[in-house]
């Protein structure tokens, strides 16, 4: 792609109305917040922001991220401050709709009030943005310390749903199906991380046992043609994070990332940034990568953006203008 073509594509991407449907709020903390908090400890941006950086393992990534998380996220007020800046950055990228999660582990190990945190995030949402807030619960996150607030969270008015987090090597415990069912009965939405480090069987398990229709990552479904067919036929959406997948070793490169094959197979895929503080990325960067490294045309970029609005968990009237604009750009209008 020539320099002038790259500039034109970037302008096109910036103008697209977009969604971000897979974002960990703690992992989206702006680096400047930490730098102001402790200028010596957080003087230099992480080495993981380099394009050629690869984490040694998920544990390596998680250990580094938790160092940032527990330095800043110690009160609901800190969540509010961070969320304000994060959502402002979304507006600057022409993002209209966001689904984000905050971690139950911060409630468990940091002593932060979960219900107050959900409300603090809700209060940070600007009027120009629609946001859905999820509580992310690790696969082994239900225990004596967390039982009371996890059972109660389906009644939190500021919370929109539950998302299953944590390494897929951990067993899917019996409480999760019950809690996911109770959440839906209470009018909440449910999602699950799967098909990242776990293979197609991980995706199939959360579909069958948790009853979710939104999979965070899910890219290893590409290894099973029958599962890919099921995802397409049932309209299951994958909220994909290409840069995250490459830096964590799920995909060898952006050029070989499974998103291209999944998209071409008719699976509904959205694109998000996952944990920008760890990967040095933003949503705009992900769209640029699709164009420059995966061969997505402008019409295909519009289709990816359109997918985000089609799976958005809100009244259709809220997203209708963006859907109409993107359908025209994608050649579907």
C-alpha atoms as a PDB file:
ATOM      1  CA  UNK A   1       0.000   0.000   0.000  1.00  0.00           C
ATOM      2  CA  UNK A   2       1.445   3.373  -1.032  1.00  0.00           C
ATOM      3  CA  UNK A   3       1.835   6.192   1.460  1.00  0.00           C
ATOM      4  CA  UNK A   4      -1.002   8.172  -0.090  1.00  0.00           C
ATOM      5  CA  UNK A   5      -3.282   5.115  -0.149  1.00  0.00           C
ATOM      6  CA  UNK A   6      -2.431   4.437   3.502  1.00  0.00           C
ATOM      7  CA  UNK A   7      -3.373   8.005   4.429  1.00  0.00           C
ATOM      8  CA  UNK A   8      -6.653   7.749   2.554  1.00  0.00           C
ATOM      9  CA  UNK A   9      -7.444   4.432   4.233  1.00  0.00           C
ATOM     10  CA  UNK A  10      -6.661   5.900   7.635  1.00  0.00           C
ATOM     11  CA  UNK A  11      -8.996   8.817   6.927  1.00  0.00           C
ATOM     12  CA  UNK A  12     -11.687   6.340   5.888  1.00  0.00           C
ATOM     13  CA  UNK A  13     -11.214   4.323   9.101  1.00  0.00           C
ATOM     14  CA  UNK A  14     -11.315   7.412  11.281  1.00  0.00           C
ATOM     15  CA  UNK A  15     -14.584   8.477   9.678  1.00  0.00           C
ATOM     16  CA  UNK A  16     -16.253   5.094  10.148  1.00  0.00           C
ATOM     17  CA  UNK A  17     -18.738   4.926  13.025  1.00  0.00           C
ATOM     18  CA  UNK A  18     -17.378   2.075  15.134  1.00  0.00           C
ATOM     19  CA  UNK A  19     -18.015  -0.114  18.146  1.00  0.00           C
ATOM     20  CA  UNK A  20     -15.645  -1.606  20.710  1.00  0.00           C
ATOM     21  CA  UNK A  21     -17.154  -4.811  22.049  1.00  0.00           C
ATOM     22  CA  UNK A  22     -14.214  -6.500  23.805  1.00  0.00           C
ATOM     23  CA  UNK A  23     -12.485  -4.143  26.224  1.00  0.00           C
ATOM     24  CA  UNK A  24     -11.158  -4.775  29.717  1.00  0.00           C
ATOM     25  CA  UNK A  25     -11.539  -1.488  31.542  1.00  0.00           C
ATOM     26  CA  UNK A  26      -8.510  -2.116  33.765  1.00  0.00           C
ATOM     27  CA  UNK A  27      -6.473  -2.977  30.679  1.00  0.00           C
ATOM     28  CA  UNK A  28      -7.513   0.251  28.972  1.00  0.00           C
ATOM     29  CA  UNK A  29      -6.084   2.517  31.699  1.00  0.00           C
ATOM     30  CA  UNK A  30      -4.203   5.400  30.043  1.00  0.00           C
ATOM     31  CA  UNK A  31      -0.480   5.138  30.776  1.00  0.00           C
ATOM     32  CA  UNK A  32      -0.347   8.791  31.835  1.00  0.00           C
ATOM     33  CA  UNK A  33      -2.491   7.962  34.872  1.00  0.00           C
ATOM     34  CA  UNK A  34       0.212   5.627  36.153  1.00  0.00           C
ATOM     35  CA  UNK A  35       3.006   8.014  35.218  1.00  0.00           C
ATOM     36  CA  UNK A  36       1.415  10.783  37.271  1.00  0.00           C
ATOM     37  CA  UNK A  37       0.790   8.352  40.126  1.00  0.00           C
ATOM     38  CA  UNK A  38       4.415   7.167  40.323  1.00  0.00           C
ATOM     39  CA  UNK A  39       6.706   8.991  37.865  1.00  0.00           C
ATOM     40  CA  UNK A  40       9.719   6.845  38.719  1.00  0.00           C
ATOM     41  CA  UNK A  41       8.096   3.402  38.565  1.00  0.00           C
ATOM     42  CA  UNK A  42       6.066   4.198  35.459  1.00  0.00           C
ATOM     43  CA  UNK A  43       8.478   6.522  33.697  1.00  0.00           C
ATOM     44  CA  UNK A  44       8.865   4.491  30.496  1.00  0.00           C
ATOM     45  CA  UNK A  45       6.058   2.942  28.482  1.00  0.00           C
ATOM     46  CA  UNK A  46       6.027  -0.878  28.548  1.00  0.00           C
ATOM     47  CA  UNK A  47       8.317  -2.847  26.266  1.00  0.00           C
ATOM     48  CA  UNK A  48       5.190  -4.757  25.238  1.00  0.00           C
ATOM     49  CA  UNK A  49       4.113  -1.755  23.161  1.00  0.00           C
ATOM     50  CA  UNK A  50       6.769  -2.600  20.559  1.00  0.00           C
ATOM     51  CA  UNK A  51       5.327  -4.206  17.456  1.00  0.00           C
ATOM     52  CA  UNK A  52       7.784  -7.097  17.626  1.00  0.00           C
ATOM     53  CA  UNK A  53       7.177  -7.854  21.312  1.00  0.00           C
ATOM     54  CA  UNK A  54       5.737 -11.225  22.317  1.00  0.00           C
ATOM     55  CA  UNK A  55       4.704 -12.242  25.839  1.00  0.00           C
ATOM     56  CA  UNK A  56       6.364 -15.435  27.026  1.00  0.00           C
ATOM     57  CA  UNK A  57       3.039 -16.794  28.281  1.00  0.00           C
ATOM     58  CA  UNK A  58      -0.398 -15.747  29.460  1.00  0.00           C
ATOM     59  CA  UNK A  59       0.995 -15.755  33.014  1.00  0.00           C
ATOM     60  CA  UNK A  60       3.687 -13.307  31.931  1.00  0.00           C
ATOM     61  CA  UNK A  61       1.031 -11.006  30.478  1.00  0.00           C
ATOM     62  CA  UNK A  62      -1.253 -11.324  33.499  1.00  0.00           C
ATOM     63  CA  UNK A  63       1.527 -10.643  36.009  1.00  0.00           C
ATOM     64  CA  UNK A  64       2.532  -7.455  34.218  1.00  0.00           C
ATOM     65  CA  UNK A  65      -1.058  -6.276  33.819  1.00  0.00           C
ATOM     66  CA  UNK A  66      -1.948  -6.895  37.467  1.00  0.00           C
ATOM     67  CA  UNK A  67       0.941  -4.656  38.494  1.00  0.00           C
ATOM     68  CA  UNK A  68      -0.767  -1.809  36.684  1.00  0.00           C
ATOM     69  CA  UNK A  69      -4.255  -2.744  37.836  1.00  0.00           C
ATOM     70  CA  UNK A  70      -3.595  -2.863  41.565  1.00  0.00           C
ATOM     71  CA  UNK A  71      -1.512   0.308  41.452  1.00  0.00           C
ATOM     72  CA  UNK A  72      -4.448   2.374  40.182  1.00  0.00           C
ATOM     73  CA  UNK A  73      -7.808   0.653  40.682  1.00  0.00           C
ATOM     74  CA  UNK A  74      -8.207   0.909  44.444  1.00  0.00           C
ATOM     75  CA  UNK A  75     -11.563   2.713  44.705  1.00  0.00           C
ATOM     76  CA  UNK A  76     -14.727   3.205  42.633  1.00  0.00           C
ATOM     77  CA  UNK A  77     -13.625   6.823  42.210  1.00  0.00           C
ATOM     78  CA  UNK A  78     -10.432   5.666  40.483  1.00  0.00           C
ATOM     79  CA  UNK A  79     -12.558   3.573  38.116  1.00  0.00           C
ATOM     80  CA  UNK A  80     -14.678   6.635  37.398  1.00  0.00           C
ATOM     81  CA  UNK A  81     -11.627   8.757  36.560  1.00  0.00           C
ATOM     82  CA  UNK A  82     -10.164   6.119  34.284  1.00  0.00           C
ATOM     83  CA  UNK A  83     -13.481   5.426  32.568  1.00  0.00           C
ATOM     84  CA  UNK A  84     -13.965   9.108  31.781  1.00  0.00           C
ATOM     85  CA  UNK A  85     -10.627   9.230  29.953  1.00  0.00           C
ATOM     86  CA  UNK A  86     -11.187   5.876  28.221  1.00  0.00           C
ATOM     87  CA  UNK A  87     -14.620   6.856  26.936  1.00  0.00           C
ATOM     88  CA  UNK A  88     -13.315  10.233  25.769  1.00  0.00           C
ATOM     89  CA  UNK A  89     -10.716   8.407  23.692  1.00  0.00           C
ATOM     90  CA  UNK A  90     -13.517   6.364  22.170  1.00  0.00           C
ATOM     91  CA  UNK A  91     -15.325   9.525  21.129  1.00  0.00           C
ATOM     92  CA  UNK A  92     -12.109  10.819  19.537  1.00  0.00           C
ATOM     93  CA  UNK A  93     -12.019   7.631  17.413  1.00  0.00           C
ATOM     94  CA  UNK A  94     -15.664   8.023  16.338  1.00  0.00           C
ATOM     95  CA  UNK A  95     -16.743   5.077  18.473  1.00  0.00           C
ATOM     96  CA  UNK A  96     -20.466   5.137  19.197  1.00  0.00           C
ATOM     97  CA  UNK A  97     -20.993   1.980  21.244  1.00  0.00           C
ATOM     98  CA  UNK A  98     -18.804   0.148  23.818  1.00  0.00           C
ATOM     99  CA  UNK A  99     -18.994  -3.093  25.785  1.00  0.00           C
ATOM    100  CA  UNK A 100     -16.449  -3.148  28.599  1.00  0.00           C
ATOM    101  CA  UNK A 101     -15.804  -5.323  31.626  1.00  0.00           C
ATOM    102  CA  UNK A 102     -14.273  -4.819  35.024  1.00  0.00           C
ATOM    103  CA  UNK A 103     -12.740  -7.696  36.962  1.00  0.00           C
ATOM    104  CA  UNK A 104     -14.301  -9.436  39.943  1.00  0.00           C
ATOM    105  CA  UNK A 105     -10.732 -10.140  41.073  1.00  0.00           C
ATOM    106  CA  UNK A 106     -10.278  -6.472  41.926  1.00  0.00           C
ATOM    107  CA  UNK A 107     -13.328  -6.738  44.169  1.00  0.00           C
ATOM    108  CA  UNK A 108     -12.036  -9.968  45.694  1.00  0.00           C
ATOM    109  CA  UNK A 109      -8.367  -9.110  46.197  1.00  0.00           C
ATOM    110  CA  UNK A 110      -8.440  -5.307  46.193  1.00  0.00           C
ATOM    111  CA  UNK A 111     -11.492  -4.898  48.407  1.00  0.00           C
ATOM    112  CA  UNK A 112     -13.183  -2.507  45.969  1.00  0.00           C
ATOM    113  CA  UNK A 113     -16.979  -2.295  46.225  1.00  0.00           C
ATOM    114  CA  UNK A 114     -18.267  -4.024  43.073  1.00  0.00           C
ATOM    115  CA  UNK A 115     -21.721  -2.480  42.924  1.00  0.00           C
ATOM    116  CA  UNK A 116     -20.345   1.008  43.563  1.00  0.00           C
ATOM    117  CA  UNK A 117     -17.717   0.418  40.869  1.00  0.00           C
ATOM    118  CA  UNK A 118     -20.351  -0.516  38.280  1.00  0.00           C
ATOM    119  CA  UNK A 119     -22.216   2.670  39.139  1.00  0.00           C
ATOM    120  CA  UNK A 120     -19.032   4.753  39.003  1.00  0.00           C
ATOM    121  CA  UNK A 121     -18.323   3.481  35.499  1.00  0.00           C
ATOM    122  CA  UNK A 122     -21.936   4.122  34.489  1.00  0.00           C
ATOM    123  CA  UNK A 123     -21.692   7.697  35.776  1.00  0.00           C
ATOM    124  CA  UNK A 124     -18.609   8.269  33.598  1.00  0.00           C
ATOM    125  CA  UNK A 125     -20.426   7.513  30.325  1.00  0.00           C
ATOM    126  CA  UNK A 126     -20.754  10.627  28.142  1.00  0.00           C
ATOM    127  CA  UNK A 127     -24.100  11.383  26.559  1.00  0.00           C
ATOM    128  CA  UNK A 128     -22.728  10.767  23.048  1.00  0.00           C
ATOM    129  CA  UNK A 129     -21.749   7.168  23.813  1.00  0.00           C
ATOM    130  CA  UNK A 130     -23.752   4.013  24.563  1.00  0.00           C
ATOM    131  CA  UNK A 131     -21.939   1.688  26.985  1.00  0.00           C
ATOM    132  CA  UNK A 132     -22.707  -1.772  28.335  1.00  0.00           C
ATOM    133  CA  UNK A 133     -20.865  -2.785  31.511  1.00  0.00           C
ATOM    134  CA  UNK A 134     -19.976  -6.402  32.328  1.00  0.00           C
ATOM    135  CA  UNK A 135     -18.504  -8.009  35.413  1.00  0.00           C
ATOM    136  CA  UNK A 136     -15.688 -10.314  34.364  1.00  0.00           C
ATOM    137  CA  UNK A 137     -15.486 -13.435  36.534  1.00  0.00           C
ATOM    138  CA  UNK A 138     -12.587 -15.887  36.381  1.00  0.00           C
ATOM    139  CA  UNK A 139     -13.343 -19.539  35.774  1.00  0.00           C
ATOM    140  CA  UNK A 140     -12.288 -20.240  39.370  1.00  0.00           C
ATOM    141  CA  UNK A 141     -13.567 -16.928  40.735  1.00  0.00           C
ATOM    142  CA  UNK A 142     -16.518 -18.208  42.764  1.00  0.00           C
ATOM    143  CA  UNK A 143     -15.473 -19.044  46.316  1.00  0.00           C
ATOM    144  CA  UNK A 144     -16.173 -18.243  49.968  1.00  0.00           C
ATOM    145  CA  UNK A 145     -14.787 -14.715  49.585  1.00  0.00           C
ATOM    146  CA  UNK A 146     -16.773 -13.870  46.464  1.00  0.00           C
ATOM    147  CA  UNK A 147     -19.963 -15.912  46.791  1.00  0.00           C
ATOM    148  CA  UNK A 148     -22.106 -13.179  48.330  1.00  0.00           C
ATOM    149  CA  UNK A 149     -21.329 -10.410  45.876  1.00  0.00           C
ATOM    150  CA  UNK A 150     -21.356 -12.686  42.832  1.00  0.00           C
ATOM    151  CA  UNK A 151     -24.781 -14.036  43.762  1.00  0.00           C
ATOM    152  CA  UNK A 152     -25.969 -10.461  44.281  1.00  0.00           C
ATOM    153  CA  UNK A 153     -24.441  -8.914  41.161  1.00  0.00           C
ATOM    154  CA  UNK A 154     -27.301  -9.978  38.880  1.00  0.00           C
ATOM    155  CA  UNK A 155     -29.380  -7.427  40.775  1.00  0.00           C
ATOM    156  CA  UNK A 156     -26.987  -4.483  40.352  1.00  0.00           C
ATOM    157  CA  UNK A 157     -28.839  -1.858  38.338  1.00  0.00           C
ATOM    158  CA  UNK A 158     -25.700  -0.373  36.781  1.00  0.00           C
ATOM    159  CA  UNK A 159     -24.456  -3.758  35.563  1.00  0.00           C
ATOM    160  CA  UNK A 160     -25.502  -5.013  32.134  1.00  0.00           C
ATOM    161  CA  UNK A 161     -24.097  -8.518  32.201  1.00  0.00           C
ATOM    162  CA  UNK A 162     -21.483 -11.155  32.995  1.00  0.00           C
ATOM    163  CA  UNK A 163     -18.377 -12.204  31.078  1.00  0.00           C
ATOM    164  CA  UNK A 164     -16.330 -15.334  31.783  1.00  0.00           C
ATOM    165  CA  UNK A 165     -12.610 -14.547  32.144  1.00  0.00           C
ATOM    166  CA  UNK A 166      -9.487 -16.502  32.991  1.00  0.00           C
ATOM    167  CA  UNK A 167      -7.252 -19.198  31.509  1.00  0.00           C
ATOM    168  CA  UNK A 168      -9.105 -21.848  29.537  1.00  0.00           C
ATOM    169  CA  UNK A 169      -6.939 -24.497  31.175  1.00  0.00           C
ATOM    170  CA  UNK A 170      -9.154 -24.045  34.239  1.00  0.00           C
ATOM    171  CA  UNK A 171     -12.199 -26.293  34.483  1.00  0.00           C
ATOM    172  CA  UNK A 172     -15.587 -24.745  33.775  1.00  0.00           C
ATOM    173  CA  UNK A 173     -17.094 -25.106  37.240  1.00  0.00           C
ATOM    174  CA  UNK A 174     -20.746 -25.929  37.933  1.00  0.00           C
ATOM    175  CA  UNK A 175     -21.594 -22.555  39.473  1.00  0.00           C
ATOM    176  CA  UNK A 176     -20.957 -20.740  36.201  1.00  0.00           C
ATOM    177  CA  UNK A 177     -23.887 -22.272  34.286  1.00  0.00           C
ATOM    178  CA  UNK A 178     -26.217 -21.488  37.196  1.00  0.00           C
ATOM    179  CA  UNK A 179     -25.029 -17.899  37.536  1.00  0.00           C
ATOM    180  CA  UNK A 180     -25.116 -17.256  33.778  1.00  0.00           C
ATOM    181  CA  UNK A 181     -28.689 -18.578  33.673  1.00  0.00           C
ATOM    182  CA  UNK A 182     -29.706 -16.430  36.633  1.00  0.00           C
ATOM    183  CA  UNK A 183     -28.170 -13.386  34.993  1.00  0.00           C
ATOM    184  CA  UNK A 184     -30.260 -13.851  31.851  1.00  0.00           C
ATOM    185  CA  UNK A 185     -33.379 -14.456  33.944  1.00  0.00           C
ATOM    186  CA  UNK A 186     -32.663 -11.094  35.608  1.00  0.00           C
ATOM    187  CA  UNK A 187     -32.465  -9.396  32.212  1.00  0.00           C
ATOM    188  CA  UNK A 188     -28.666  -9.291  31.999  1.00  0.00           C
ATOM    189  CA  UNK A 189     -26.509 -10.245  29.027  1.00  0.00           C
ATOM    190  CA  UNK A 190     -23.885 -12.988  29.088  1.00  0.00           C
ATOM    191  CA  UNK A 191     -20.608 -13.557  27.249  1.00  0.00           C
ATOM    192  CA  UNK A 192     -17.543 -15.772  27.671  1.00  0.00           C
ATOM    193  CA  UNK A 193     -13.875 -15.815  26.757  1.00  0.00           C
ATOM    194  CA  UNK A 194     -13.068 -18.983  24.824  1.00  0.00           C
ATOM    195  CA  UNK A 195     -11.131 -20.183  21.797  1.00  0.00           C
ATOM    196  CA  UNK A 196      -8.078 -18.087  22.635  1.00  0.00           C
ATOM    197  CA  UNK A 197      -5.631 -20.506  24.242  1.00  0.00           C
ATOM    198  CA  UNK A 198      -8.224 -23.273  24.356  1.00  0.00           C
ATOM    199  CA  UNK A 199      -9.148 -24.944  21.087  1.00  0.00           C
ATOM    200  CA  UNK A 200     -12.525 -25.365  19.376  1.00  0.00           C
ATOM    201  CA  UNK A 201     -13.757 -27.550  22.230  1.00  0.00           C
ATOM    202  CA  UNK A 202     -13.512 -24.539  24.546  1.00  0.00           C
ATOM    203  CA  UNK A 203     -15.826 -22.541  22.283  1.00  0.00           C
ATOM    204  CA  UNK A 204     -18.256 -25.412  21.980  1.00  0.00           C
ATOM    205  CA  UNK A 205     -18.316 -25.862  25.760  1.00  0.00           C
ATOM    206  CA  UNK A 206     -19.344 -22.290  26.591  1.00  0.00           C
ATOM    207  CA  UNK A 207     -21.967 -22.372  23.858  1.00  0.00           C
ATOM    208  CA  UNK A 208     -23.496 -25.585  25.177  1.00  0.00           C
ATOM    209  CA  UNK A 209     -23.015 -25.203  28.939  1.00  0.00           C
ATOM    210  CA  UNK A 210     -23.303 -21.440  29.445  1.00  0.00           C
ATOM    211  CA  UNK A 211     -25.757 -20.673  26.665  1.00  0.00           C
ATOM    212  CA  UNK A 212     -23.825 -17.626  25.430  1.00  0.00           C
ATOM    213  CA  UNK A 213     -24.116 -16.192  21.933  1.00  0.00           C
ATOM    214  CA  UNK A 214     -21.162 -13.848  22.174  1.00  0.00           C
ATOM    215  CA  UNK A 215     -17.630 -15.258  22.351  1.00  0.00           C
ATOM    216  CA  UNK A 216     -14.666 -13.096  23.332  1.00  0.00           C
ATOM    217  CA  UNK A 217     -11.833 -14.113  20.961  1.00  0.00           C
ATOM    218  CA  UNK A 218     -13.059 -17.489  19.647  1.00  0.00           C
ATOM    219  CA  UNK A 219     -10.473 -17.455  16.875  1.00  0.00           C
ATOM    220  CA  UNK A 220      -9.349 -21.047  17.364  1.00  0.00           C
ATOM    221  CA  UNK A 221     -12.781 -22.134  16.179  1.00  0.00           C
ATOM    222  CA  UNK A 222     -11.156 -21.890  12.738  1.00  0.00           C
ATOM    223  CA  UNK A 223      -9.499 -25.248  13.463  1.00  0.00           C
ATOM    224  CA  UNK A 224     -12.875 -27.042  13.283  1.00  0.00           C
ATOM    225  CA  UNK A 225     -14.890 -26.537  10.064  1.00  0.00           C
ATOM    226  CA  UNK A 226     -18.040 -27.955  11.671  1.00  0.00           C
ATOM    227  CA  UNK A 227     -17.795 -25.417  14.493  1.00  0.00           C
ATOM    228  CA  UNK A 228     -17.228 -22.604  12.010  1.00  0.00           C
ATOM    229  CA  UNK A 229     -20.383 -23.711  10.208  1.00  0.00           C
ATOM    230  CA  UNK A 230     -22.289 -23.727  13.493  1.00  0.00           C
ATOM    231  CA  UNK A 231     -21.098 -20.219  14.379  1.00  0.00           C
ATOM    232  CA  UNK A 232     -22.220 -18.956  10.980  1.00  0.00           C
ATOM    233  CA  UNK A 233     -25.575 -20.729  10.977  1.00  0.00           C
ATOM    234  CA  UNK A 234     -26.475 -19.761  14.544  1.00  0.00           C
ATOM    235  CA  UNK A 235     -25.281 -16.165  14.214  1.00  0.00           C
ATOM    236  CA  UNK A 236     -22.776 -16.474  17.063  1.00  0.00           C
ATOM    237  CA  UNK A 237     -20.544 -13.400  17.174  1.00  0.00           C
ATOM    238  CA  UNK A 238     -16.808 -13.452  17.870  1.00  0.00           C
ATOM    239  CA  UNK A 239     -15.342 -10.303  19.425  1.00  0.00           C
ATOM    240  CA  UNK A 240     -11.823 -10.565  18.012  1.00  0.00           C
ATOM    241  CA  UNK A 241      -8.653  -8.756  19.121  1.00  0.00           C
ATOM    242  CA  UNK A 242      -5.919  -9.292  16.490  1.00  0.00           C
ATOM    243  CA  UNK A 243      -3.018  -7.412  18.114  1.00  0.00           C
ATOM    244  CA  UNK A 244      -3.674  -9.129  21.431  1.00  0.00           C
ATOM    245  CA  UNK A 245      -3.721 -12.529  19.727  1.00  0.00           C
ATOM    246  CA  UNK A 246      -0.370 -11.932  18.047  1.00  0.00           C
ATOM    247  CA  UNK A 247       1.421 -10.554  21.099  1.00  0.00           C
ATOM    248  CA  UNK A 248       0.125 -13.418  23.228  1.00  0.00           C
ATOM    249  CA  UNK A 249       1.141 -16.035  20.674  1.00  0.00           C
ATOM    250  CA  UNK A 250      -2.361 -17.163  19.720  1.00  0.00           C
ATOM    251  CA  UNK A 251      -1.584 -16.179  16.117  1.00  0.00           C
ATOM    252  CA  UNK A 252       1.892 -16.141  14.590  1.00  0.00           C
ATOM    253  CA  UNK A 253       1.347 -12.850  12.781  1.00  0.00           C
ATOM    254  CA  UNK A 254      -1.315 -10.410  11.684  1.00  0.00           C
ATOM    255  CA  UNK A 255      -0.957 -11.695   8.132  1.00  0.00           C
ATOM    256  CA  UNK A 256      -1.819 -15.246   9.246  1.00  0.00           C
ATOM    257  CA  UNK A 257      -4.445 -14.271  11.806  1.00  0.00           C
ATOM    258  CA  UNK A 258      -7.614 -16.461  11.700  1.00  0.00           C
ATOM    259  CA  UNK A 259      -9.901 -13.433  11.442  1.00  0.00           C
ATOM    260  CA  UNK A 260      -9.503 -13.371   7.664  1.00  0.00           C
ATOM    261  CA  UNK A 261     -10.640 -16.998   7.294  1.00  0.00           C
ATOM    262  CA  UNK A 262     -13.477 -16.646   9.810  1.00  0.00           C
ATOM    263  CA  UNK A 263     -14.753 -13.477   8.142  1.00  0.00           C
ATOM    264  CA  UNK A 264     -14.574 -15.066   4.699  1.00  0.00           C
ATOM    265  CA  UNK A 265     -16.490 -18.091   6.034  1.00  0.00           C
ATOM    266  CA  UNK A 266     -19.387 -15.832   7.002  1.00  0.00           C
ATOM    267  CA  UNK A 267     -18.856 -15.821  10.776  1.00  0.00           C
ATOM    268  CA  UNK A 268     -19.964 -12.583  12.444  1.00  0.00           C
ATOM    269  CA  UNK A 269     -16.743 -10.969  13.690  1.00  0.00           C
ATOM    270  CA  UNK A 270     -16.182  -7.665  15.451  1.00  0.00           C
ATOM    271  CA  UNK A 271     -12.795  -6.070  16.186  1.00  0.00           C
ATOM    272  CA  UNK A 272     -11.560  -4.624  19.482  1.00  0.00           C
ATOM    273  CA  UNK A 273      -8.363  -3.735  21.343  1.00  0.00           C
ATOM    274  CA  UNK A 274      -8.697  -5.958  24.473  1.00  0.00           C
ATOM    275  CA  UNK A 275      -6.037  -4.493  26.851  1.00  0.00           C
ATOM    276  CA  UNK A 276      -4.404  -1.421  25.294  1.00  0.00           C
ATOM    277  CA  UNK A 277      -2.137  -0.751  28.278  1.00  0.00           C
ATOM    278  CA  UNK A 278      -0.449  -4.088  27.619  1.00  0.00           C
ATOM    279  CA  UNK A 279      -0.435  -4.047  23.813  1.00  0.00           C
ATOM    280  CA  UNK A 280       0.090  -0.348  23.035  1.00  0.00           C
ATOM    281  CA  UNK A 281      -2.862  -0.302  20.650  1.00  0.00           C
ATOM    282  CA  UNK A 282      -6.221   1.352  20.131  1.00  0.00           C
ATOM    283  CA  UNK A 283      -9.285   0.472  18.097  1.00  0.00           C
ATOM    284  CA  UNK A 284      -8.168   2.554  15.122  1.00  0.00           C
ATOM    285  CA  UNK A 285      -4.919   0.576  15.037  1.00  0.00           C
ATOM    286  CA  UNK A 286      -6.874  -2.677  14.756  1.00  0.00           C
ATOM    287  CA  UNK A 287      -8.744  -1.439  11.684  1.00  0.00           C
ATOM    288  CA  UNK A 288      -5.486  -0.236  10.147  1.00  0.00           C
ATOM    289  CA  UNK A 289      -4.031  -3.708  10.705  1.00  0.00           C
ATOM    290  CA  UNK A 290      -7.017  -5.285   8.936  1.00  0.00           C
ATOM    291  CA  UNK A 291      -6.418  -3.071   5.905  1.00  0.00           C
ATOM    292  CA  UNK A 292      -2.622  -3.082   5.795  1.00  0.00           C
ATOM    293  CA  UNK A 293      -1.814  -6.579   7.029  1.00  0.00           C
ATOM    294  CA  UNK A 294      -4.883  -8.736   6.325  1.00  0.00           C
ATOM    295  CA  UNK A 295      -6.053  -7.384   3.000  1.00  0.00           C
ATOM    296  CA  UNK A 296      -9.441  -6.041   4.093  1.00  0.00           C
ATOM    297  CA  UNK A 297     -10.999  -3.705   1.534  1.00  0.00           C
ATOM    298  CA  UNK A 298     -12.893  -0.585   2.529  1.00  0.00           C
ATOM    299  CA  UNK A 299     -16.184  -2.379   1.990  1.00  0.00           C
ATOM    300  CA  UNK A 300     -14.982  -5.188   4.247  1.00  0.00           C
ATOM    301  CA  UNK A 301     -13.864  -2.719   6.913  1.00  0.00           C
ATOM    302  CA  UNK A 302     -17.354  -1.235   6.803  1.00  0.00           C
ATOM    303  CA  UNK A 303     -18.812  -4.748   7.191  1.00  0.00           C
ATOM    304  CA  UNK A 304     -16.678  -5.343  10.288  1.00  0.00           C
ATOM    305  CA  UNK A 305     -17.878  -2.051  11.764  1.00  0.00           C
ATOM    306  CA  UNK A 306     -21.442  -2.951  10.774  1.00  0.00           C
ATOM    307  CA  UNK A 307     -21.171  -6.272  12.617  1.00  0.00           C
ATOM    308  CA  UNK A 308     -20.476  -4.378  15.834  1.00  0.00           C
ATOM    309  CA  UNK A 309     -23.694  -2.400  15.554  1.00  0.00           C
ATOM    310  CA  UNK A 310     -25.714  -5.449  14.541  1.00  0.00           C
ATOM    311  CA  UNK A 311     -24.715  -7.316  17.719  1.00  0.00           C
ATOM    312  CA  UNK A 312     -24.942  -4.233  19.949  1.00  0.00           C
ATOM    313  CA  UNK A 313     -26.973  -4.865  23.089  1.00  0.00           C
ATOM    314  CA  UNK A 314     -29.294  -1.908  22.795  1.00  0.00           C
ATOM    315  CA  UNK A 315     -32.475  -0.682  21.180  1.00  0.00           C
ATOM    316  CA  UNK A 316     -32.240  -0.833  17.384  1.00  0.00           C
ATOM    317  CA  UNK A 317     -33.259   2.818  17.143  1.00  0.00           C
ATOM    318  CA  UNK A 318     -30.024   3.802  18.901  1.00  0.00           C
ATOM    319  CA  UNK A 319     -27.808   2.251  16.221  1.00  0.00           C
ATOM    320  CA  UNK A 320     -30.081   2.609  13.180  1.00  0.00           C
ATOM    321  CA  UNK A 321     -28.349   5.702  11.719  1.00  0.00           C
ATOM    322  CA  UNK A 322     -24.937   4.028  11.957  1.00  0.00           C
ATOM    323  CA  UNK A 323     -26.262   0.776  10.504  1.00  0.00           C
ATOM    324  CA  UNK A 324     -27.714   2.651   7.518  1.00  0.00           C
ATOM    325  CA  UNK A 325     -24.464   4.513   6.879  1.00  0.00           C
ATOM    326  CA  UNK A 326     -22.352   1.360   7.120  1.00  0.00           C
ATOM    327  CA  UNK A 327     -24.720  -0.724   4.988  1.00  0.00           C
ATOM    328  CA  UNK A 328     -24.257   1.822   2.227  1.00  0.00           C
ATOM    329  CA  UNK A 329     -20.464   1.772   2.581  1.00  0.00           C
ATOM    330  CA  UNK A 330     -20.453  -2.034   2.669  1.00  0.00           C
ATOM    331  CA  UNK A 331     -22.615  -2.265  -0.439  1.00  0.00           C
ATOM    332  CA  UNK A 332     -25.522  -3.733   1.502  1.00  0.00           C
ATOM    333  CA  UNK A 333     -27.790  -0.718   1.440  1.00  0.00           C
END
